[in-house]
Amino acid sequence: MKIEKVTLIGLGAMGAFFAPKLYEHLGDDFRVLAEGKRKEKLETKGVTINKTNYKFPIVTPDEKNVPADLIIVAVKGYALDQAMEDIKNQVGENTLILPVLNGVDSEQKLSEVFGEEHVLYAYMKVSIVMRDGKTNYDPTLGEVHFGEKKNESISGRVQMVCDVFDACEINYRIDEDMELGIWYKFMCNVGQNLTSALLGIPFGAYRVSGHANYLRRNAMREVVALAQAQNIGLNESFIELQEETIKKIPPHNKPSTLQDLENKKNTEIEMFAGTVIRLGRKLEIETPMADFFYHAIRVLEEKNAGIIEM
């Protein structure tokens, strides 16, 4: 089987990483799934990615007999349940689903609905800035990591995705242990996103502020403890590894949770701190940093919503 039709749901930061190159290679066989006002906006105004405006082909959730060979799920974490409902008519007998959203449980949730045979593991490493409805990123610095849960060798279905990404010149990497990679990304998100969101600071702050790094690193340690309790090989060395990675991110870039707050949008705090808290209770591990971040960022959301009058 060859991947010839690709559907993308979620044209935010992660979706913008894929859309231009898939469209350039596949033409109308690349579709963005949307309906209602979102569909109308995409058809009339399009989206601007790296200073180029695109009007991608659209497919709606109610359209039938148009299954995709590959579905890329790039929605925010809080939108996953609706996304799973929306893609049902896109899933055929041989469809592969690639969830690139943040968090640690999207693969499990998708497998419960569509079956493990349709779902691959994935996560993203890319710093994307969204401002005034426009998306900008350096495509040479970003990449998608994907594969089976374990990848001692490349399976046939992983190879099919490799083939289409190679043809589209989309940067990717196959981790030998995708579960570990997803938890590593989650650890980084919990530490970096939540510290930056609460304090209103960009990535560059971690180059100069020991106080910011104290919060970031201790939040990451809570994720390490949860992973180790589940026999996932995350440890302190991964925190040290991230010290070099974070220095490569443009200093003025901001993580998605801070961008969401600044744009008065819903954040993924439930997916980040909420997940840490829930797992901590289940595994009987204390998570004071996650508890603090959860409630503090909820206050900022209430402020944005006008619940707290200034």
Protein backbone atom coordinates (compact mmCIF):
# COMPACT_ATOMS: atom_id res chain seq x y z
CA MET A 1 0.00 0.00 0.00
CA LYS A 2 1.11 3.54 -0.78
CA ILE A 3 -0.05 6.66 1.03
CA GLU A 4 -1.74 8.84 -1.56
CA LYS A 5 -4.49 10.65 0.37
CA VAL A 6 -3.73 12.54 3.57
CA THR A 7 -6.20 14.31 5.84
CA LEU A 8 -5.09 16.81 8.47
CA ILE A 9 -7.30 17.81 11.38
CA GLY A 10 -5.99 20.79 13.32
CA LEU A 11 -4.35 23.61 11.37
CA GLY A 12 -2.71 25.34 14.31
CA ALA A 13 0.97 25.27 15.14
CA MET A 14 1.57 21.53 14.63
CA GLY A 15 -0.68 21.27 11.59
CA ALA A 16 1.12 24.18 9.96
CA PHE A 17 4.34 22.17 10.09
CA PHE A 18 2.88 19.57 7.72
CA ALA A 19 0.34 21.34 5.55
CA PRO A 20 2.44 23.33 3.03
CA LYS A 21 4.72 20.45 2.06
CA LEU A 22 1.93 17.87 1.90
CA TYR A 23 -0.13 20.19 -0.29
CA GLU A 24 2.81 20.94 -2.55
CA HIS A 25 3.39 17.22 -3.13
CA LEU A 26 -0.14 15.77 -3.04
CA GLY A 27 -2.27 18.64 -4.36
CA ASP A 28 -5.99 17.97 -3.86
CA ASP A 29 -5.21 14.58 -2.32
CA PHE A 30 -4.19 16.55 0.75
CA ARG A 31 -7.25 17.76 2.66
CA VAL A 32 -7.86 19.75 5.83
CA LEU A 33 -10.87 18.52 7.80
CA ALA A 34 -13.08 21.41 8.94
CA GLU A 35 -16.68 22.52 9.11
CA GLY A 36 -18.83 25.54 9.98
CA LYS A 37 -17.14 28.88 10.59
CA ARG A 38 -13.71 27.28 10.57
CA LYS A 39 -14.30 25.87 7.09
CA GLU A 40 -15.65 29.20 5.85
CA LYS A 41 -12.64 31.07 7.21
CA LEU A 42 -10.16 28.64 5.66
CA GLU A 43 -11.90 28.87 2.28
CA THR A 44 -12.22 32.67 2.24
CA LYS A 45 -9.18 33.93 4.11
CA GLY A 46 -6.91 30.91 4.09
CA VAL A 47 -3.99 30.64 6.49
CA THR A 48 -0.60 32.36 6.39
CA ILE A 49 2.39 30.14 7.08
CA ASN A 50 5.91 31.54 6.83
CA LYS A 51 4.56 34.62 4.97
CA THR A 52 2.70 32.58 2.33
CA ASN A 53 -1.09 32.44 2.28
CA TYR A 54 -2.63 29.04 1.57
CA LYS A 55 -6.15 27.91 0.78
CA PHE A 56 -5.99 24.17 1.25
CA PRO A 57 -8.63 21.71 0.00
CA ILE A 58 -11.30 21.11 2.64
CA VAL A 59 -13.20 17.97 3.58
CA THR A 60 -16.03 18.00 6.13
CA PRO A 61 -16.71 15.41 8.85
CA ASP A 62 -20.01 14.32 7.26
CA GLU A 63 -18.51 13.49 3.85
CA LYS A 64 -18.46 9.72 3.27
CA ASN A 65 -16.66 7.38 0.89
CA VAL A 66 -13.51 9.50 1.04
CA PRO A 67 -11.25 7.59 3.46
CA ALA A 68 -7.69 8.80 3.88
CA ASP A 69 -4.59 6.62 3.76
CA LEU A 70 -3.11 8.76 6.54
CA ILE A 71 -4.81 11.05 9.06
CA ILE A 72 -2.63 13.50 10.98
CA VAL A 73 -4.31 14.57 14.21
CA ALA A 74 -2.83 17.93 15.24
CA VAL A 75 -5.54 19.43 17.45
CA LYS A 76 -5.10 20.78 20.97
CA GLY A 77 -5.44 18.18 23.71
CA TYR A 78 -8.82 19.43 24.86
CA ALA A 79 -10.18 18.97 21.32
CA LEU A 80 -9.18 15.31 20.89
CA ASP A 81 -12.58 13.83 21.79
CA GLN A 82 -14.31 15.96 19.15
CA ALA A 83 -11.57 15.22 16.65
CA MET A 84 -12.10 11.48 17.08
CA GLU A 85 -15.76 11.96 16.26
CA ASP A 86 -14.97 14.17 13.28
CA ILE A 87 -12.49 11.79 11.60
CA LYS A 88 -14.71 8.69 11.69
CA ASN A 89 -15.74 8.96 8.03
CA GLN A 90 -12.07 9.42 7.07
CA VAL A 91 -11.02 6.08 8.56
CA GLY A 92 -11.05 3.18 6.14
CA GLU A 93 -9.83 -0.40 6.39
CA ASN A 94 -6.16 0.53 5.89
CA THR A 95 -6.07 4.08 7.26
CA LEU A 96 -3.16 5.04 9.51
CA ILE A 97 -3.62 7.68 12.22
CA LEU A 98 -0.70 9.81 13.37
CA PRO A 99 -1.47 11.87 16.53
CA VAL A 100 1.10 14.66 16.94
CA LEU A 101 -0.61 16.54 19.76
CA ASN A 102 0.97 17.05 23.17
CA GLY A 103 0.43 14.69 26.09
CA VAL A 104 0.97 11.01 26.80
CA ASP A 105 -2.36 9.31 26.18
CA SER A 106 -3.66 10.27 22.72
CA GLU A 107 -2.42 7.02 21.17
CA GLN A 108 -4.29 5.01 23.78
CA LYS A 109 -7.49 7.00 23.33
CA LEU A 110 -7.39 6.69 19.54
CA SER A 111 -6.63 2.96 19.76
CA GLU A 112 -9.64 2.41 22.02
CA VAL A 113 -11.91 3.99 19.39
CA PHE A 114 -10.34 2.87 16.08
CA GLY A 115 -8.13 -0.10 17.00
CA GLU A 116 -4.38 -0.37 17.55
CA GLU A 117 -3.89 -1.49 13.96
CA HIS A 118 -4.70 2.05 12.79
CA VAL A 119 -2.64 4.08 15.27
CA LEU A 120 1.04 5.01 15.28
CA TYR A 121 2.94 6.80 18.06
CA ALA A 122 4.19 10.34 17.46
CA TYR A 123 5.35 13.61 18.95
CA MET A 124 6.73 16.88 17.62
CA LYS A 125 9.93 18.82 18.19
CA VAL A 126 9.49 22.28 16.69
CA SER A 127 9.30 25.84 18.00
CA ILE A 128 6.45 27.67 16.28
CA VAL A 129 5.28 31.24 16.76
CA MET A 130 1.64 32.14 16.06
CA ARG A 131 0.77 35.83 16.09
CA ASP A 132 -2.07 37.83 14.55
CA GLY A 133 -3.37 34.73 12.79
CA LYS A 134 -0.02 34.04 11.14
CA THR A 135 2.31 31.11 11.75
CA ASN A 136 6.09 31.24 11.51
CA TYR A 137 8.74 28.61 12.15
CA ASP A 138 12.10 27.44 10.84
CA PRO A 139 11.35 24.18 8.99
CA THR A 140 15.01 23.15 9.14
CA LEU A 141 14.89 23.00 12.96
CA GLY A 142 11.65 21.07 13.39
CA GLU A 143 10.93 17.37 13.03
CA VAL A 144 8.24 14.84 13.75
CA HIS A 145 9.16 11.70 15.68
CA PHE A 146 6.96 8.69 14.96
CA GLY A 147 6.80 4.93 14.73
CA GLU A 148 5.48 1.87 16.47
CA LYS A 149 5.65 1.83 20.26
CA LYS A 150 9.02 0.06 19.90
CA ASN A 151 11.12 0.23 16.73
CA GLU A 152 14.00 -2.21 16.75
CA SER A 153 13.21 -2.53 13.05
CA ILE A 154 11.00 -0.47 10.72
CA SER A 155 7.54 -1.96 10.23
CA GLY A 156 5.73 -1.87 6.91
CA ARG A 157 3.23 0.76 8.02
CA VAL A 158 5.95 3.01 9.46
CA GLN A 159 7.84 2.69 6.17
CA MET A 160 4.77 3.91 4.26
CA VAL A 161 4.73 7.10 6.30
CA CYS A 162 8.49 7.47 5.84
CA ASP A 163 7.99 7.24 2.08
CA VAL A 164 5.43 10.03 1.90
CA PHE A 165 7.41 12.25 4.29
CA ASP A 166 10.55 11.66 2.23
CA ALA A 167 8.70 12.64 -0.92
CA CYS A 168 7.39 15.79 0.80
CA GLU A 169 10.76 16.62 2.39
CA ILE A 170 9.25 16.60 5.88
CA ASN A 171 11.89 16.14 8.57
CA TYR A 172 11.31 13.10 10.77
CA ARG A 173 12.99 10.64 13.09
CA ILE A 174 12.09 7.09 14.17
CA ASP A 175 12.78 6.59 17.88
CA GLU A 176 13.68 3.10 19.00
CA ASP A 177 11.45 3.66 22.04
CA MET A 178 8.57 5.96 21.13
CA GLU A 179 6.91 5.72 24.53
CA LEU A 180 10.07 7.04 26.16
CA GLY A 181 10.29 9.82 23.58
CA ILE A 182 6.71 10.88 24.20
CA TRP A 183 7.31 11.02 27.95
CA TYR A 184 10.51 13.00 27.41
CA LYS A 185 8.58 15.55 25.36
CA PHE A 186 5.83 15.60 28.00
CA MET A 187 8.42 16.24 30.72
CA CYS A 188 9.81 19.17 28.77
CA ASN A 189 6.35 20.59 28.11
CA VAL A 190 5.31 20.39 31.74
CA GLY A 191 8.48 22.14 32.89
CA GLN A 192 8.97 24.72 30.17
CA ASN A 193 5.43 25.52 29.09
CA LEU A 194 3.98 25.94 32.55
CA THR A 195 6.88 27.95 33.98
CA SER A 196 6.86 30.28 30.97
CA ALA A 197 3.08 30.60 30.98
CA LEU A 198 2.84 31.46 34.65
CA LEU A 199 5.72 33.95 34.64
CA GLY A 200 5.18 35.37 31.14
CA ILE A 201 8.74 34.62 30.02
CA PRO A 202 10.15 33.33 26.68
CA PHE A 203 12.59 30.45 26.24
CA GLY A 204 15.55 32.82 26.54
CA ALA A 205 14.80 33.26 30.25
CA TYR A 206 16.15 29.78 30.90
CA ARG A 207 19.57 30.92 29.73
CA VAL A 208 19.87 33.55 32.45
CA SER A 209 17.44 32.87 35.33
CA GLY A 210 18.30 30.29 37.95
CA HIS A 211 14.94 30.96 39.59
CA ALA A 212 13.02 30.08 36.42
CA ASN A 213 15.13 26.95 36.01
CA TYR A 214 14.41 25.93 39.62
CA LEU A 215 10.69 25.85 38.85
CA ARG A 216 11.15 24.23 35.43
CA ARG A 217 13.45 21.47 36.61
CA ASN A 218 11.42 20.56 39.71
CA ALA A 219 8.25 20.30 37.63
CA MET A 220 10.15 18.00 35.26
CA ARG A 221 11.28 15.83 38.17
CA GLU A 222 7.67 15.09 39.05
CA VAL A 223 7.16 13.71 35.54
CA VAL A 224 10.31 11.60 35.88
CA ALA A 225 8.95 10.08 39.10
CA LEU A 226 5.65 9.20 37.40
CA ALA A 227 7.43 7.63 34.43
CA GLN A 228 9.73 5.52 36.62
CA ALA A 229 6.74 4.25 38.59
CA GLN A 230 5.42 2.89 35.28
CA ASN A 231 8.74 1.34 34.20
CA ILE A 232 9.34 4.00 31.55
CA GLY A 233 13.06 4.77 31.27
CA LEU A 234 12.97 8.50 31.99
CA ASN A 235 15.56 9.71 34.50
CA GLU A 236 17.58 12.75 35.60
CA SER A 237 19.89 12.45 32.58
CA PHE A 238 16.99 13.49 30.33
CA ILE A 239 16.65 16.73 32.29
CA GLU A 240 20.35 17.39 31.68
CA LEU A 241 19.92 16.52 28.01
CA GLN A 242 17.23 19.17 27.69
CA GLU A 243 19.62 21.86 28.97
CA GLU A 244 21.48 21.79 25.65
CA THR A 245 18.34 21.53 23.56
CA ILE A 246 16.70 24.55 25.15
CA LYS A 247 19.72 26.72 24.31
CA LYS A 248 19.07 26.08 20.61
CA ILE A 249 15.54 27.53 20.72
CA PRO A 250 15.42 31.20 19.61
CA PRO A 251 15.41 33.15 22.88
CA HIS A 252 12.37 35.29 22.06
CA ASN A 253 10.19 32.27 21.13
CA LYS A 254 7.41 31.43 23.56
CA PRO A 255 5.91 28.00 24.34
CA SER A 256 2.35 27.31 23.26
CA THR A 257 0.76 27.66 26.70
CA LEU A 258 2.08 31.19 27.07
CA GLN A 259 0.96 32.04 23.53
CA ASP A 260 -2.51 30.71 24.36
CA LEU A 261 -2.76 32.90 27.46
CA GLU A 262 -1.55 35.98 25.61
CA ASN A 263 -4.12 35.34 22.88
CA LYS A 264 -6.85 34.72 25.49
CA LYS A 265 -7.38 31.15 24.28
CA ASN A 266 -7.94 27.96 26.22
CA THR A 267 -4.70 26.34 27.36
CA GLU A 268 -3.69 22.70 27.59
CA ILE A 269 -3.25 22.92 31.37
CA GLU A 270 -5.53 19.90 31.85
CA MET A 271 -3.35 17.83 29.53
CA PHE A 272 -0.14 18.99 31.22
CA ALA A 273 -0.53 19.62 34.97
CA GLY A 274 -3.91 17.89 35.12
CA THR A 275 -2.43 14.65 33.80
CA VAL A 276 0.48 14.83 36.25
CA ILE A 277 -1.94 15.36 39.16
CA ARG A 278 -4.23 12.50 38.13
CA LEU A 279 -1.36 10.06 37.64
CA GLY A 280 0.22 11.19 40.87
CA ARG A 281 -2.93 10.31 42.79
CA LYS A 282 -3.21 6.97 41.01
CA LEU A 283 0.44 6.08 41.67
CA GLU A 284 0.51 7.65 45.16
CA ILE A 285 3.22 10.15 44.18
CA GLU A 286 3.05 13.72 45.42
CA THR A 287 3.02 16.41 42.72
CA PRO A 288 3.13 19.81 44.48
CA MET A 289 4.62 21.65 41.49
CA ALA A 290 1.88 20.41 39.16
CA ASP A 291 -0.79 21.31 41.72
CA PHE A 292 0.60 24.83 42.00
CA PHE A 293 0.89 25.35 38.24
CA TYR A 294 -2.58 23.93 37.64
CA HIS A 295 -4.38 26.30 39.96
CA ALA A 296 -2.20 29.33 39.16
CA ILE A 297 -2.75 29.03 35.40
CA ARG A 298 -6.46 28.40 35.95
CA VAL A 299 -6.54 31.79 37.69
CA LEU A 300 -4.93 33.40 34.64
CA GLU A 301 -7.57 31.75 32.44
CA GLU A 302 -10.29 33.16 34.71
CA LYS A 303 -8.69 36.57 34.40
CA ASN A 304 -8.71 36.30 30.60
CA ALA A 305 -12.35 35.21 30.65
CA GLY A 306 -13.34 38.25 32.68
CA ILE A 307 -14.37 36.21 35.71
CA ILE A 308 -11.83 38.19 37.72
CA GLU A 309 -12.41 41.89 37.24
CA MET A 310 -9.36 44.12 37.10
